[in-house]
């Protein structure tokens, strides 16, 4: 489970709950509940925890001993947190390399997160279906099916879907940060 993976990551670094709380900007009681799988996580909280532990979000879902090269559709690692309007699927078999690719599905009239955020990477997103609005440093870019956008991930950004159909996209980033 996700909480157990977070606990293992924290202990691997020799951090107490209090130290992780300070690094992640989340309360100790909340983190304790998360580690015991008694509280749901938002993508932004999971991102803060992953950043504090120095790992991409999908790290918590992977078996790092897996050396496969092919990721079968039915075997993809999938992340959809309770209450979230976005689903992510990992398209690479592990995060040991220099690149990460995800398939994202953003529901109608939803955003990838509440507030723009940044991470140290280069990112390219290709839209397969729908129209994606990308708020990149306060400037809005419209990316339609067949279009792509490339940007420096350190610029605060958020994806939005203002349409009535799902937006489906593929994002690649280097290094892995999601």
C-alpha atoms as a PDB file:
ATOM      1  CA  UNK A   1       0.000   0.000   0.000  1.00  0.00           C
ATOM      2  CA  UNK A   2       1.010   3.592  -0.549  1.00  0.00           C
ATOM      3  CA  UNK A   3       1.370   4.448   3.151  1.00  0.00           C
ATOM      4  CA  UNK A   4       3.683   1.511   3.756  1.00  0.00           C
ATOM      5  CA  UNK A   5       5.882   2.527   0.811  1.00  0.00           C
ATOM      6  CA  UNK A   6       6.110   6.064   2.201  1.00  0.00           C
ATOM      7  CA  UNK A   7       7.114   4.689   5.618  1.00  0.00           C
ATOM      8  CA  UNK A   8       9.811   2.493   4.015  1.00  0.00           C
ATOM      9  CA  UNK A   9      11.155   5.514   2.115  1.00  0.00           C
ATOM     10  CA  UNK A  10      11.237   7.635   5.265  1.00  0.00           C
ATOM     11  CA  UNK A  11      12.976   4.920   7.279  1.00  0.00           C
ATOM     12  CA  UNK A  12      15.440   4.237   4.448  1.00  0.00           C
ATOM     13  CA  UNK A  13      16.613   7.848   4.835  1.00  0.00           C
ATOM     14  CA  UNK A  14      16.632   7.585   8.629  1.00  0.00           C
ATOM     15  CA  UNK A  15      14.004  10.319   9.018  1.00  0.00           C
ATOM     16  CA  UNK A  16      11.544  10.611  11.876  1.00  0.00           C
ATOM     17  CA  UNK A  17       7.931  11.557  11.170  1.00  0.00           C
ATOM     18  CA  UNK A  18       8.716  14.986  12.605  1.00  0.00           C
ATOM     19  CA  UNK A  19      11.682  15.465  10.247  1.00  0.00           C
ATOM     20  CA  UNK A  20       9.637  14.373   7.221  1.00  0.00           C
ATOM     21  CA  UNK A  21       6.845  16.685   8.368  1.00  0.00           C
ATOM     22  CA  UNK A  22       9.219  19.647   8.390  1.00  0.00           C
ATOM     23  CA  UNK A  23      10.739  18.782   4.983  1.00  0.00           C
ATOM     24  CA  UNK A  24       7.347  18.185   3.335  1.00  0.00           C
ATOM     25  CA  UNK A  25       5.439  21.034   4.981  1.00  0.00           C
ATOM     26  CA  UNK A  26       2.747  18.642   6.242  1.00  0.00           C
ATOM     27  CA  UNK A  27       1.692  17.893   9.803  1.00  0.00           C
ATOM     28  CA  UNK A  28       3.164  14.959  11.700  1.00  0.00           C
ATOM     29  CA  UNK A  29      -0.302  13.662  12.574  1.00  0.00           C
ATOM     30  CA  UNK A  30      -1.356  13.717   8.909  1.00  0.00           C
ATOM     31  CA  UNK A  31       1.803  11.854   7.851  1.00  0.00           C
ATOM     32  CA  UNK A  32       1.269   9.289  10.591  1.00  0.00           C
ATOM     33  CA  UNK A  33      -2.272   8.662   9.336  1.00  0.00           C
ATOM     34  CA  UNK A  34      -1.000   8.408   5.746  1.00  0.00           C
ATOM     35  CA  UNK A  35       1.644   5.856   6.707  1.00  0.00           C
ATOM     36  CA  UNK A  36      -1.040   3.784   8.451  1.00  0.00           C
ATOM     37  CA  UNK A  37      -3.322   4.099   5.366  1.00  0.00           C
ATOM     38  CA  UNK A  38      -5.921   5.929   7.462  1.00  0.00           C
ATOM     39  CA  UNK A  39      -5.970   9.126   5.412  1.00  0.00           C
ATOM     40  CA  UNK A  40      -6.357   9.834   1.728  1.00  0.00           C
ATOM     41  CA  UNK A  41      -3.698  11.820  -0.100  1.00  0.00           C
ATOM     42  CA  UNK A  42      -4.044  14.550  -2.682  1.00  0.00           C
ATOM     43  CA  UNK A  43      -1.593  14.621  -5.589  1.00  0.00           C
ATOM     44  CA  UNK A  44      -0.064  17.809  -4.154  1.00  0.00           C
ATOM     45  CA  UNK A  45       0.512  16.181  -0.728  1.00  0.00           C
ATOM     46  CA  UNK A  46       1.984  13.081  -2.363  1.00  0.00           C
ATOM     47  CA  UNK A  47       4.235  15.314  -4.472  1.00  0.00           C
ATOM     48  CA  UNK A  48       5.454  17.110  -1.297  1.00  0.00           C
ATOM     49  CA  UNK A  49       6.233  13.788   0.396  1.00  0.00           C
ATOM     50  CA  UNK A  50       8.018  12.429  -2.691  1.00  0.00           C
ATOM     51  CA  UNK A  51      10.048  15.629  -3.001  1.00  0.00           C
ATOM     52  CA  UNK A  52      11.010  15.517   0.682  1.00  0.00           C
ATOM     53  CA  UNK A  53      12.174  11.909   0.218  1.00  0.00           C
ATOM     54  CA  UNK A  54      13.973  12.734  -3.053  1.00  0.00           C
ATOM     55  CA  UNK A  55      11.974  10.341  -5.232  1.00  0.00           C
ATOM     56  CA  UNK A  56       9.371  10.606  -8.024  1.00  0.00           C
ATOM     57  CA  UNK A  57       5.749   9.913  -7.027  1.00  0.00           C
ATOM     58  CA  UNK A  58       5.603   6.631  -8.951  1.00  0.00           C
ATOM     59  CA  UNK A  59       8.536   5.356  -6.875  1.00  0.00           C
ATOM     60  CA  UNK A  60       5.993   4.361  -4.213  1.00  0.00           C
ATOM     61  CA  UNK A  61       4.190   2.053  -6.654  1.00  0.00           C
ATOM     62  CA  UNK A  62       7.118   0.305  -8.314  1.00  0.00           C
ATOM     63  CA  UNK A  63       8.979  -2.902  -7.707  1.00  0.00           C
ATOM     64  CA  UNK A  64      12.483  -1.599  -8.431  1.00  0.00           C
ATOM     65  CA  UNK A  65      13.780  -5.132  -8.941  1.00  0.00           C
ATOM     66  CA  UNK A  66      11.715  -5.436 -12.140  1.00  0.00           C
ATOM     67  CA  UNK A  67      14.046  -5.405 -15.163  1.00  0.00           C
ATOM     68  CA  UNK A  68      11.382  -5.709 -17.879  1.00  0.00           C
ATOM     69  CA  UNK A  69      11.693  -3.601 -20.994  1.00  0.00           C
ATOM     70  CA  UNK A  70       8.083  -3.912 -22.131  1.00  0.00           C
ATOM     71  CA  UNK A  71       5.192  -2.497 -20.144  1.00  0.00           C
ATOM     72  CA  UNK A  72       1.984  -4.325 -21.035  1.00  0.00           C
ATOM     73  CA  UNK A  73      -1.140  -2.172 -21.059  1.00  0.00           C
ATOM     74  CA  UNK A  74      -2.792  -4.236 -18.333  1.00  0.00           C
ATOM     75  CA  UNK A  75       0.356  -4.148 -16.144  1.00  0.00           C
ATOM     76  CA  UNK A  76       0.898  -0.360 -16.072  1.00  0.00           C
ATOM     77  CA  UNK A  77       1.284   1.237 -12.667  1.00  0.00           C
ATOM     78  CA  UNK A  78      -1.771   3.464 -12.255  1.00  0.00           C
ATOM     79  CA  UNK A  79      -2.232   6.400  -9.910  1.00  0.00           C
ATOM     80  CA  UNK A  80      -5.620   7.938  -9.182  1.00  0.00           C
ATOM     81  CA  UNK A  81      -6.013   9.342  -5.717  1.00  0.00           C
ATOM     82  CA  UNK A  82      -9.422   9.565  -4.014  1.00  0.00           C
ATOM     83  CA  UNK A  83     -11.291  12.689  -5.094  1.00  0.00           C
ATOM     84  CA  UNK A  84      -8.819  13.388  -7.895  1.00  0.00           C
ATOM     85  CA  UNK A  85     -10.008  14.167 -11.411  1.00  0.00           C
ATOM     86  CA  UNK A  86      -6.790  13.004 -13.061  1.00  0.00           C
ATOM     87  CA  UNK A  87      -5.439   9.506 -13.656  1.00  0.00           C
ATOM     88  CA  UNK A  88      -1.791   8.769 -14.418  1.00  0.00           C
ATOM     89  CA  UNK A  89      -0.300   5.563 -15.843  1.00  0.00           C
ATOM     90  CA  UNK A  90       3.438   4.941 -15.935  1.00  0.00           C
ATOM     91  CA  UNK A  91       4.612   3.964 -19.430  1.00  0.00           C
ATOM     92  CA  UNK A  92       8.158   2.998 -18.453  1.00  0.00           C
ATOM     93  CA  UNK A  93       8.983  -0.161 -16.470  1.00  0.00           C
ATOM     94  CA  UNK A  94      11.045   1.579 -13.773  1.00  0.00           C
ATOM     95  CA  UNK A  95      12.483   4.940 -12.762  1.00  0.00           C
ATOM     96  CA  UNK A  96      16.150   3.959 -12.796  1.00  0.00           C
ATOM     97  CA  UNK A  97      16.815   5.765 -16.060  1.00  0.00           C
ATOM     98  CA  UNK A  98      16.971   9.411 -17.025  1.00  0.00           C
ATOM     99  CA  UNK A  99      13.465   9.659 -18.468  1.00  0.00           C
ATOM    100  CA  UNK A 100       9.902   9.109 -17.335  1.00  0.00           C
ATOM    101  CA  UNK A 101       6.784   8.818 -19.484  1.00  0.00           C
ATOM    102  CA  UNK A 102       3.208   8.894 -18.262  1.00  0.00           C
ATOM    103  CA  UNK A 103      -0.206   8.621 -19.868  1.00  0.00           C
ATOM    104  CA  UNK A 104      -2.604  11.094 -18.282  1.00  0.00           C
ATOM    105  CA  UNK A 105      -6.371  11.399 -18.403  1.00  0.00           C
ATOM    106  CA  UNK A 106      -7.881  14.647 -17.116  1.00  0.00           C
ATOM    107  CA  UNK A 107     -11.626  14.667 -16.562  1.00  0.00           C
ATOM    108  CA  UNK A 108     -13.883  17.450 -17.930  1.00  0.00           C
ATOM    109  CA  UNK A 109     -13.680  20.831 -16.185  1.00  0.00           C
ATOM    110  CA  UNK A 110     -10.813  19.697 -13.946  1.00  0.00           C
ATOM    111  CA  UNK A 111      -7.200  20.641 -13.220  1.00  0.00           C
ATOM    112  CA  UNK A 112      -4.148  18.472 -12.621  1.00  0.00           C
ATOM    113  CA  UNK A 113      -3.665  20.149  -9.227  1.00  0.00           C
ATOM    114  CA  UNK A 114      -5.074  23.041  -7.214  1.00  0.00           C
ATOM    115  CA  UNK A 115      -2.128  25.406  -7.689  1.00  0.00           C
ATOM    116  CA  UNK A 116       0.714  25.606 -10.219  1.00  0.00           C
ATOM    117  CA  UNK A 117       3.819  23.782  -9.063  1.00  0.00           C
ATOM    118  CA  UNK A 118       7.325  23.268 -10.365  1.00  0.00           C
ATOM    119  CA  UNK A 119       9.917  20.518 -10.384  1.00  0.00           C
ATOM    120  CA  UNK A 120      13.489  20.366 -11.718  1.00  0.00           C
ATOM    121  CA  UNK A 121      13.070  18.737 -15.115  1.00  0.00           C
ATOM    122  CA  UNK A 122      12.433  19.234 -18.804  1.00  0.00           C
ATOM    123  CA  UNK A 123       8.958  18.180 -19.855  1.00  0.00           C
ATOM    124  CA  UNK A 124       7.196  17.513 -23.147  1.00  0.00           C
ATOM    125  CA  UNK A 125       3.468  16.792 -23.300  1.00  0.00           C
ATOM    126  CA  UNK A 126       1.634  15.486 -26.363  1.00  0.00           C
ATOM    127  CA  UNK A 127      -2.173  15.653 -26.446  1.00  0.00           C
ATOM    128  CA  UNK A 128      -3.908  12.564 -27.852  1.00  0.00           C
ATOM    129  CA  UNK A 129      -7.519  13.640 -27.248  1.00  0.00           C
ATOM    130  CA  UNK A 130      -9.279  16.852 -26.265  1.00  0.00           C
ATOM    131  CA  UNK A 131      -7.854  20.308 -25.599  1.00  0.00           C
ATOM    132  CA  UNK A 132      -5.424  20.935 -22.765  1.00  0.00           C
ATOM    133  CA  UNK A 133      -4.896  24.371 -21.285  1.00  0.00           C
ATOM    134  CA  UNK A 134      -1.412  24.712 -19.834  1.00  0.00           C
ATOM    135  CA  UNK A 135      -0.826  27.558 -17.378  1.00  0.00           C
ATOM    136  CA  UNK A 136       2.930  28.029 -17.644  1.00  0.00           C
ATOM    137  CA  UNK A 137       4.213  30.792 -15.403  1.00  0.00           C
ATOM    138  CA  UNK A 138       0.875  32.618 -15.650  1.00  0.00           C
ATOM    139  CA  UNK A 139       0.705  32.423 -19.463  1.00  0.00           C
ATOM    140  CA  UNK A 140      -2.009  30.125 -20.864  1.00  0.00           C
ATOM    141  CA  UNK A 141      -1.193  27.854 -23.805  1.00  0.00           C
ATOM    142  CA  UNK A 142      -3.888  25.906 -25.666  1.00  0.00           C
ATOM    143  CA  UNK A 143      -2.691  22.460 -26.745  1.00  0.00           C
ATOM    144  CA  UNK A 144      -5.100  20.505 -28.943  1.00  0.00           C
ATOM    145  CA  UNK A 145      -5.097  16.844 -30.010  1.00  0.00           C
ATOM    146  CA  UNK A 146      -2.012  16.309 -32.166  1.00  0.00           C
ATOM    147  CA  UNK A 147      -0.148  19.270 -30.594  1.00  0.00           C
ATOM    148  CA  UNK A 148       2.650  19.170 -28.047  1.00  0.00           C
ATOM    149  CA  UNK A 149       4.212  21.588 -25.591  1.00  0.00           C
ATOM    150  CA  UNK A 150       7.801  21.542 -24.339  1.00  0.00           C
ATOM    151  CA  UNK A 151       8.896  23.490 -21.268  1.00  0.00           C
ATOM    152  CA  UNK A 152      11.246  23.836 -18.333  1.00  0.00           C
ATOM    153  CA  UNK A 153       9.518  22.146 -15.383  1.00  0.00           C
ATOM    154  CA  UNK A 154      10.997  24.662 -12.957  1.00  0.00           C
ATOM    155  CA  UNK A 155       8.425  27.173 -14.280  1.00  0.00           C
ATOM    156  CA  UNK A 156       5.258  26.813 -12.147  1.00  0.00           C
ATOM    157  CA  UNK A 157       2.619  25.040 -14.227  1.00  0.00           C
ATOM    158  CA  UNK A 158      -0.763  23.361 -14.075  1.00  0.00           C
ATOM    159  CA  UNK A 159      -2.863  21.505 -16.666  1.00  0.00           C
ATOM    160  CA  UNK A 160      -6.580  22.276 -17.051  1.00  0.00           C
ATOM    161  CA  UNK A 161      -9.430  20.795 -19.041  1.00  0.00           C
ATOM    162  CA  UNK A 162     -12.173  23.344 -19.716  1.00  0.00           C
ATOM    163  CA  UNK A 163     -14.011  21.059 -22.132  1.00  0.00           C
ATOM    164  CA  UNK A 164     -16.778  18.481 -21.771  1.00  0.00           C
ATOM    165  CA  UNK A 165     -14.619  15.480 -22.805  1.00  0.00           C
ATOM    166  CA  UNK A 166     -11.608  13.875 -21.165  1.00  0.00           C
ATOM    167  CA  UNK A 167      -8.201  15.150 -22.196  1.00  0.00           C
ATOM    168  CA  UNK A 168      -5.752  12.313 -22.809  1.00  0.00           C
ATOM    169  CA  UNK A 169      -2.049  13.125 -23.015  1.00  0.00           C
ATOM    170  CA  UNK A 170       1.431  11.644 -22.845  1.00  0.00           C
ATOM    171  CA  UNK A 171       4.109  13.461 -20.856  1.00  0.00           C
ATOM    172  CA  UNK A 172       7.812  12.718 -20.890  1.00  0.00           C
ATOM    173  CA  UNK A 173      10.161  14.271 -18.380  1.00  0.00           C
ATOM    174  CA  UNK A 174      13.833  14.087 -17.648  1.00  0.00           C
ATOM    175  CA  UNK A 175      14.883  13.353 -15.019  1.00  0.00           C
ATOM    176  CA  UNK A 176      11.929  11.385 -13.585  1.00  0.00           C
ATOM    177  CA  UNK A 177      10.021  13.670 -11.235  1.00  0.00           C
ATOM    178  CA  UNK A 178       6.431  12.540 -11.210  1.00  0.00           C
END
